[in-house]
Amino acid sequence: YLSMVREHQQAAREQNWQRDYAATKARIKTLMDALATEYLVPWRGEYPISKEWWDKVEVAVNAIKESGDAN
């Protein structure tokens, strides 16, 4: 019986890991797309990354950290 419980817990952990990994991968892709978009803007002699963009990065990074802490 205990081995069945352990197997079930292991399967649940595996599923959670796959879900978290997929969510984190999606967030990172969003971040990379934002970075690419920001850098494709023509250079105008100003600092290329805006405060708004860094705010988006911070939100995404915090979301990734929180999803890691959930485990």
Protein backbone atom coordinates (compact mmCIF):
# COMPACT_ATOMS: atom_id res chain seq x y z
CA TYR A 1 0.00 0.00 0.00
CA LEU A 2 2.79 2.44 0.93
CA SER A 3 4.57 1.85 -2.36
CA MET A 4 1.32 2.69 -4.20
CA VAL A 5 1.07 5.96 -2.24
CA ARG A 6 4.69 6.78 -3.03
CA GLU A 7 4.17 6.05 -6.73
CA HIS A 8 1.10 8.29 -6.75
CA GLN A 9 3.02 11.13 -5.04
CA GLN A 10 5.91 10.73 -7.49
CA ALA A 11 3.50 10.88 -10.46
CA ALA A 12 1.83 13.99 -9.03
CA ARG A 13 5.22 15.66 -8.51
CA GLU A 14 6.22 14.80 -12.07
CA GLN A 15 2.99 16.31 -13.43
CA ASN A 16 3.45 19.50 -11.39
CA TRP A 17 7.03 19.80 -12.61
CA GLN A 18 5.96 19.44 -16.25
CA ARG A 19 3.20 22.03 -15.80
CA ASP A 20 5.54 24.51 -14.07
CA TYR A 21 8.25 23.91 -16.69
CA ALA A 22 5.80 24.60 -19.54
CA ALA A 23 4.54 27.77 -17.82
CA THR A 24 8.08 29.00 -17.17
CA LYS A 25 9.09 28.25 -20.77
CA ALA A 26 6.10 30.27 -22.03
CA ARG A 27 7.03 33.21 -19.76
CA ILE A 28 10.64 33.14 -20.96
CA LYS A 29 9.49 33.09 -24.60
CA THR A 30 7.26 36.13 -23.90
CA LEU A 31 10.25 37.85 -22.30
CA MET A 32 12.51 37.06 -25.28
CA ASP A 33 9.85 38.29 -27.74
CA ALA A 34 9.57 41.54 -25.77
CA LEU A 35 13.36 41.91 -25.81
CA ALA A 36 13.52 41.30 -29.57
CA THR A 37 10.71 43.81 -30.18
CA GLU A 38 12.44 46.43 -28.02
CA TYR A 39 15.76 46.00 -29.82
CA LEU A 40 14.24 46.04 -33.31
CA VAL A 41 13.05 49.61 -32.67
CA PRO A 42 15.39 51.88 -34.65
CA TRP A 43 18.22 53.29 -32.56
CA ARG A 44 17.56 56.95 -31.80
CA GLY A 45 20.62 57.70 -29.73
CA GLU A 46 18.71 57.13 -26.50
CA TYR A 47 18.91 54.30 -24.02
CA PRO A 48 17.19 51.46 -25.93
CA ILE A 49 15.38 49.81 -23.02
CA SER A 50 12.55 51.80 -21.50
CA LYS A 51 11.50 51.84 -17.84
CA GLU A 52 8.19 50.19 -18.89
CA TRP A 53 10.12 47.31 -20.45
CA TRP A 54 12.15 46.76 -17.28
CA ASP A 55 8.89 46.79 -15.30
CA LYS A 56 7.62 43.99 -17.56
CA VAL A 57 10.86 42.05 -17.02
CA GLU A 58 10.55 42.44 -13.26
CA VAL A 59 6.94 41.19 -13.29
CA ALA A 60 7.88 38.17 -15.43
CA VAL A 61 10.93 37.32 -13.30
CA ASN A 62 8.87 37.57 -10.10
CA ALA A 63 6.19 35.33 -11.63
CA ILE A 64 8.84 32.76 -12.53
CA LYS A 65 10.30 32.93 -9.00
CA GLU A 66 6.85 32.53 -7.44
CA SER A 67 6.03 29.51 -9.60
CA GLY A 68 9.31 27.95 -8.45
CA ASP A 69 8.52 28.66 -4.80
CA ALA A 70 5.10 27.02 -5.14
CA ASN A 71 6.71 23.57 -5.23
